[in-house]
Protein backbone atom coordinates (compact mmCIF):
# COMPACT_ATOMS: atom_id res chain seq x y z
CA MET A 1 136.83 120.07 76.66
CA GLN A 2 135.50 121.60 79.88
CA ILE A 3 136.70 120.93 83.38
CA ARG A 4 134.70 122.10 86.34
CA PRO A 5 134.20 121.12 90.00
CA ALA A 6 132.08 118.30 90.54
CA THR A 7 128.66 118.29 92.54
CA GLU A 8 126.53 115.70 94.15
CA ASP A 9 124.51 115.56 90.76
CA ASP A 10 127.83 114.05 89.14
CA LEU A 11 128.16 110.93 91.58
CA ALA A 12 126.37 108.65 89.11
CA ASP A 13 128.57 109.55 86.09
CA ILE A 14 131.78 109.38 88.57
CA GLY A 15 130.54 105.67 89.33
CA LYS A 16 130.10 104.88 85.74
CA ILE A 17 133.53 106.20 84.83
CA PHE A 18 135.31 104.36 87.83
CA ASP A 19 133.51 101.04 86.74
CA ALA A 20 134.79 101.22 83.18
CA ALA A 21 138.09 102.59 83.84
CA SER A 22 138.97 100.22 86.68
CA ALA A 23 137.51 97.22 84.67
CA TRP A 24 139.92 98.27 81.79
CA LEU A 25 142.91 98.65 83.93
CA ILE A 26 142.53 95.23 85.65
CA GLU A 27 141.97 93.55 82.22
CA LYS A 28 144.98 95.13 80.65
CA TYR A 29 147.46 95.26 83.58
CA ARG A 30 146.31 92.90 86.07
CA PRO A 31 144.43 89.88 84.56
CA ASP A 32 145.30 87.51 87.11
CA GLN A 33 143.30 89.90 89.66
CA ILE A 34 139.91 89.30 87.90
CA GLY A 35 137.71 87.98 90.57
CA GLU A 36 140.09 88.86 93.34
CA PRO A 37 138.36 91.30 95.93
CA ALA A 38 139.53 94.78 95.75
CA VAL A 39 141.63 96.53 98.15
CA SER A 40 139.48 99.80 98.26
CA VAL A 41 136.57 101.27 99.94
CA THR A 42 133.28 99.18 99.38
CA ASN A 43 131.01 102.21 99.71
CA ARG A 44 132.19 104.05 96.94
CA GLU A 45 129.61 106.63 96.76
CA GLY A 46 130.17 107.27 100.44
CA LEU A 47 133.71 107.93 99.57
CA TYR A 48 133.01 110.26 96.88
CA ARG A 49 130.64 112.40 98.94
CA HIS A 50 133.59 112.44 101.66
CA LEU A 51 135.94 113.79 99.01
CA LEU A 52 133.26 116.26 97.76
CA ASP A 53 132.76 117.52 101.45
CA THR A 54 136.72 117.36 102.44
CA GLY A 55 138.75 117.70 99.23
CA GLY A 56 138.30 118.88 95.49
CA VAL A 57 136.70 116.86 92.90
CA PHE A 58 136.56 117.57 89.13
CA MET A 59 134.64 116.54 86.16
CA ALA A 60 135.88 116.51 82.56
CA LEU A 61 133.18 116.87 80.05
CA ASP A 62 133.99 116.38 76.24
CA PRO A 63 130.96 116.91 75.65
CA GLU A 64 129.73 114.22 77.97
CA PRO A 65 131.39 113.17 81.19
CA ALA A 66 134.63 111.61 80.15
CA GLY A 67 136.70 111.52 83.23
CA PHE A 68 137.06 112.83 86.91
CA SER A 69 139.67 113.47 89.25
CA ALA A 70 139.80 114.07 93.19
CA ALA A 71 142.42 115.13 95.87
CA ILE A 72 142.66 116.05 99.40
CA VAL A 73 145.06 118.24 101.33
CA ARG A 74 145.88 117.15 104.78
CA GLU A 75 148.12 119.60 106.87
CA GLY A 76 149.85 120.81 103.70
CA VAL A 77 150.19 117.52 101.84
CA TRP A 78 148.34 117.10 98.69
CA PHE A 79 147.25 113.70 97.81
CA LEU A 80 145.62 112.61 94.43
CA SER A 81 142.93 110.23 95.58
CA LEU A 82 141.33 109.38 92.21
CA LEU A 83 141.93 110.25 88.45
CA TRP A 84 140.19 108.06 86.07
CA VAL A 85 139.28 108.60 82.39
CA LEU A 86 136.96 106.43 80.12
CA PRO A 87 139.12 103.94 78.16
CA ASP A 88 137.96 105.04 74.76
CA ARG A 89 139.17 108.68 75.50
CA HIS A 90 142.61 107.75 76.68
CA GLY A 91 145.31 109.75 74.62
CA SER A 92 143.02 112.60 74.29
CA GLY A 93 144.90 114.66 76.94
CA ILE A 94 141.82 114.65 79.46
CA GLY A 95 144.05 112.73 82.14
CA SER A 96 146.71 115.49 81.98
CA ALA A 97 144.16 118.35 82.03
CA LEU A 98 142.52 116.80 85.08
CA LEU A 99 145.65 116.49 86.86
CA GLU A 100 146.76 120.07 86.09
CA GLU A 101 143.24 121.43 87.49
CA THR A 102 143.64 119.30 90.56
CA LEU A 103 147.34 120.44 91.01
CA ALA A 104 146.03 123.94 90.69
CA TRP A 105 143.19 123.38 93.17
CA GLY A 106 146.22 122.28 95.75
CA LYS A 107 148.56 125.05 94.96
CA GLY A 108 150.64 126.10 97.99
CA ALA A 109 150.71 122.47 99.16
CA ALA A 110 154.20 121.63 100.82
CA ALA A 111 154.26 118.19 99.17
CA PHE A 112 152.37 116.27 96.43
CA SER A 113 151.64 112.55 96.45
CA VAL A 114 149.63 109.87 94.69
CA VAL A 115 149.12 105.96 94.76
CA ALA A 116 150.04 105.18 91.23
CA SER A 117 148.60 102.43 89.27
CA PRO A 118 150.67 100.17 86.88
CA TYR A 119 149.36 102.23 83.84
CA PRO A 120 152.81 103.73 82.52
CA VAL A 121 151.05 106.85 80.82
CA ALA A 122 149.60 107.68 84.42
CA GLN A 123 153.07 107.12 86.23
CA LEU A 124 154.69 109.39 83.47
CA ILE A 125 152.19 112.58 83.99
CA TYR A 126 153.11 112.19 87.67
CA LEU A 127 156.67 111.98 87.04
CA ARG A 128 156.17 115.12 84.91
CA SER A 129 154.65 116.83 87.99
CA SER A 130 157.95 116.11 90.14
CA MET A 131 156.36 113.08 91.93
CA TYR A 132 158.79 110.20 92.22
CA PRO A 133 158.57 106.67 93.44
CA LEU A 134 159.10 106.28 97.07
CA TYR A 135 158.01 102.45 97.62
CA VAL A 136 155.85 99.85 95.96
CA GLN A 137 152.41 99.37 97.65
CA ILE A 138 151.83 95.39 97.59
CA ASP A 139 148.21 94.32 97.57
CA MET A 140 148.07 91.15 99.62
CA ALA A 141 145.05 88.63 99.88
CA GLY A 142 144.25 85.43 101.97
CA ASN A 143 141.77 83.64 104.11
CA VAL A 144 141.42 84.90 107.43
CA PRO A 145 143.33 82.51 109.97
CA GLU A 146 141.86 81.62 113.14
CA GLN A 147 142.97 84.14 115.61
CA LYS A 148 143.18 84.14 119.58
CA PRO A 149 141.89 87.21 121.25
CA VAL A 150 144.40 89.97 121.23
CA ASP A 151 144.90 91.75 124.50
CA GLY A 152 144.57 95.32 124.94
CA VAL A 153 142.14 95.89 122.07
CA ASP A 154 139.31 98.56 122.44
CA PRO A 155 137.11 100.15 119.78
CA LEU A 156 138.68 103.32 118.31
CA GLU A 157 136.64 106.26 119.35
CA SER A 158 136.59 110.06 118.52
CA SER A 159 138.14 110.59 122.00
CA ASP A 160 141.28 108.82 120.67
CA GLN A 161 141.81 111.13 117.98
CA HIS A 162 144.45 113.23 119.72
CA TRP A 163 147.13 110.30 119.99
CA VAL A 164 145.91 108.78 116.61
CA ASP A 165 146.76 112.38 115.20
CA GLU A 166 150.11 112.34 116.88
CA LEU A 167 150.91 108.79 115.44
CA ASP A 168 149.86 109.53 112.06
CA ARG A 169 152.15 112.77 111.86
CA GLU A 170 154.87 110.45 113.09
CA VAL A 171 154.39 107.73 110.67
CA ARG A 172 152.11 108.84 107.81
CA GLY A 173 153.71 112.44 107.94
CA VAL A 174 150.23 114.12 108.22
CA ALA A 175 147.45 113.90 110.58
CA ARG A 176 143.85 113.54 108.99
CA PRO A 177 141.12 113.46 111.76
CA GLU A 178 138.35 113.96 109.02
CA ASP A 179 139.52 110.85 107.20
CA HIS A 180 139.20 108.84 110.54
CA GLY A 181 135.68 110.08 110.84
CA PHE A 182 134.81 108.57 107.54
CA TRP A 183 136.65 105.32 108.31
CA ARG A 184 135.02 104.90 111.94
CA SER A 185 131.65 105.22 110.09
CA GLU A 186 132.33 102.53 107.52
CA ALA A 187 134.61 100.02 109.31
CA ARG A 188 135.42 98.89 112.82
CA GLY A 189 138.29 100.88 114.23
CA LEU A 190 140.62 99.35 117.01
CA ALA A 191 142.79 100.81 119.26
CA LEU A 192 145.58 98.80 120.73
CA ARG A 193 147.12 99.42 124.10
CA ARG A 194 149.69 98.16 126.30
CA ASP A 195 150.05 98.99 130.10
CA GLY A 196 147.43 101.73 129.46
CA SER A 197 149.36 103.42 126.62
CA PRO A 198 148.21 103.25 123.01
CA ILE A 199 150.57 101.33 120.77
CA GLY A 200 148.75 101.62 117.42
CA TYR A 201 145.32 101.47 115.65
CA VAL A 202 143.72 99.44 112.79
CA TYR A 203 140.54 99.16 110.79
CA GLY A 204 138.76 95.97 109.96
CA TRP A 205 136.02 96.36 107.06
CA PRO A 206 132.83 94.19 106.60
CA ASP A 207 134.08 93.14 103.06
CA GLY A 208 137.48 91.68 104.60
CA LYS A 209 139.72 94.70 103.99
CA ILE A 210 142.32 95.54 106.59
CA GLY A 211 143.62 99.13 107.08
CA PRO A 212 144.69 101.66 107.52
CA GLY A 213 146.97 101.07 110.45
CA VAL A 214 149.65 102.41 112.44
CA ALA A 215 152.07 100.90 114.86
CA ARG A 216 154.26 102.88 117.37
CA ASP A 217 157.04 100.41 116.86
CA PRO A 218 157.44 97.88 113.88
CA GLY A 219 157.47 94.80 116.34
CA GLU A 220 153.77 95.76 117.01
CA VAL A 221 152.67 95.35 113.45
CA ALA A 222 151.80 91.54 113.70
CA VAL A 223 149.48 92.30 116.58
CA LEU A 224 147.78 95.08 114.52
CA LEU A 225 147.12 92.62 111.90
CA ALA A 226 145.97 89.92 114.36
CA ALA A 227 143.57 92.33 115.96
CA ALA A 228 141.93 93.30 112.65
CA ALA A 229 141.76 89.86 111.34
CA GLY A 230 139.73 88.83 114.77
CA VAL A 231 137.03 91.22 113.63
CA LEU A 232 136.53 90.45 110.01
CA PRO A 233 133.84 87.91 108.84
CA ARG A 234 135.18 84.55 108.84
CA LYS A 235 134.29 83.31 105.30
CA VAL A 236 135.47 86.51 103.29
CA ARG A 237 138.74 86.65 101.68
CA ALA A 238 140.58 89.35 103.27
CA THR A 239 142.87 92.09 101.68
CA VAL A 240 145.63 94.64 102.80
CA ALA A 241 147.89 96.91 101.12
CA VAL A 242 151.27 97.08 102.45
CA PRO A 243 154.16 99.32 101.74
CA SER A 244 157.05 97.27 100.48
CA THR A 245 159.44 98.52 103.22
CA ASN A 246 156.98 97.38 106.02
CA TRP A 247 158.74 93.80 106.27
CA SER A 248 157.18 93.10 109.49
CA ALA A 249 153.77 93.04 107.98
CA LEU A 250 154.82 91.28 104.79
CA ARG A 251 156.52 88.61 106.96
CA GLU A 252 153.52 88.10 109.04
CA LEU A 253 151.04 88.05 106.16
CA ILE A 254 153.02 85.25 104.41
CA ARG A 255 153.44 83.36 107.52
CA THR A 256 149.63 83.38 107.56
CA GLY A 257 149.09 82.15 104.08
CA PHE A 258 148.59 85.57 102.26
CA ALA A 259 150.13 86.28 98.70
CA PRO A 260 150.48 89.11 96.61
CA ILE A 261 147.63 89.90 93.91
CA GLY A 262 148.83 93.16 92.53
CA SER A 263 150.87 96.45 93.27
CA ASN A 264 150.80 100.01 92.98
CA THR A 265 153.46 102.83 93.47
CA PHE A 266 153.49 105.41 96.09
CA MET A 267 154.96 108.68 94.52
CA ALA A 268 155.55 111.88 96.14
CA SER A 269 157.39 115.18 95.80
CA ARG A 270 159.59 114.55 99.00
CA PRO A 271 159.81 111.66 101.35
CA LEU A 272 156.90 111.44 103.85
CA GLY A 273 156.69 109.69 107.08
CA ASP A 274 158.03 106.06 107.95
CA PRO A 275 156.17 103.38 105.82
CA THR A 276 157.80 100.67 107.88
CA ARG A 277 155.08 100.98 110.43
CA TYR A 278 152.14 101.78 108.25
CA ILE A 279 149.30 99.72 106.51
CA SER A 280 147.65 101.55 103.85
CA SER A 281 143.79 102.31 103.64
CA GLY A 282 144.11 101.13 99.95
CA GLY A 283 144.63 104.10 97.76
CA ALA A 284 141.72 106.68 97.57
CA LEU A 285 142.78 108.02 101.01
CA SER A 286 146.24 106.32 101.14
């Protein structure tokens, strides 16, 4: 088996591996999620290119492409964005080897983290790497409710990045301006202000996904959700990934008719940020 850095030429194989492995995971561990929208980036090739440009991406060849991994480091925090192995190669050690290579790429980081799927083998190799559960990330889905316009909402611009970075460090534990650049190109970023001061931001996606989002105060989380819902297409089924400690978001989503469709586990080598004020981007960029 060979593990090497990925290149642009690997994007097609990366997509094929992801399609096969994610379909297997849903069928085996989330059969009730078949047919539900995914809480993930729709433009996966754009995501892969973003990871190639700003992180580390690795291919496992045995001898043909059998798996891949990707990670980012933002302000000293390593995050495993993706790790997928072809189902018929599970148990061959490819996943552990990819994780080892990706950890070595991020050597020197102050913390290591991942959003782990329900696959027990994956969770075990993360535990062996000293990443432990911090909270459950609950995937919620529902029809977009009718919303009254939310006051104080403006497009999120690159000029807002200074306060967005400050808020991300406070709530998420790290700033990540390069990821916001990607999100602004793919989704509608919204800045929420009150009396001229920013109180949070959130993204609404063309496929109905909401997130990421951060509120300065937990009481503003419902406003974030309402603002994002206001820019979603009317007939799509909306999705949002919420930390289990963000009771404000869960309460508001349940009130407006959303329900859980699955869950993942956020694991890290130490506590990070304050997830009570956070709405996730869905997994690959957390």
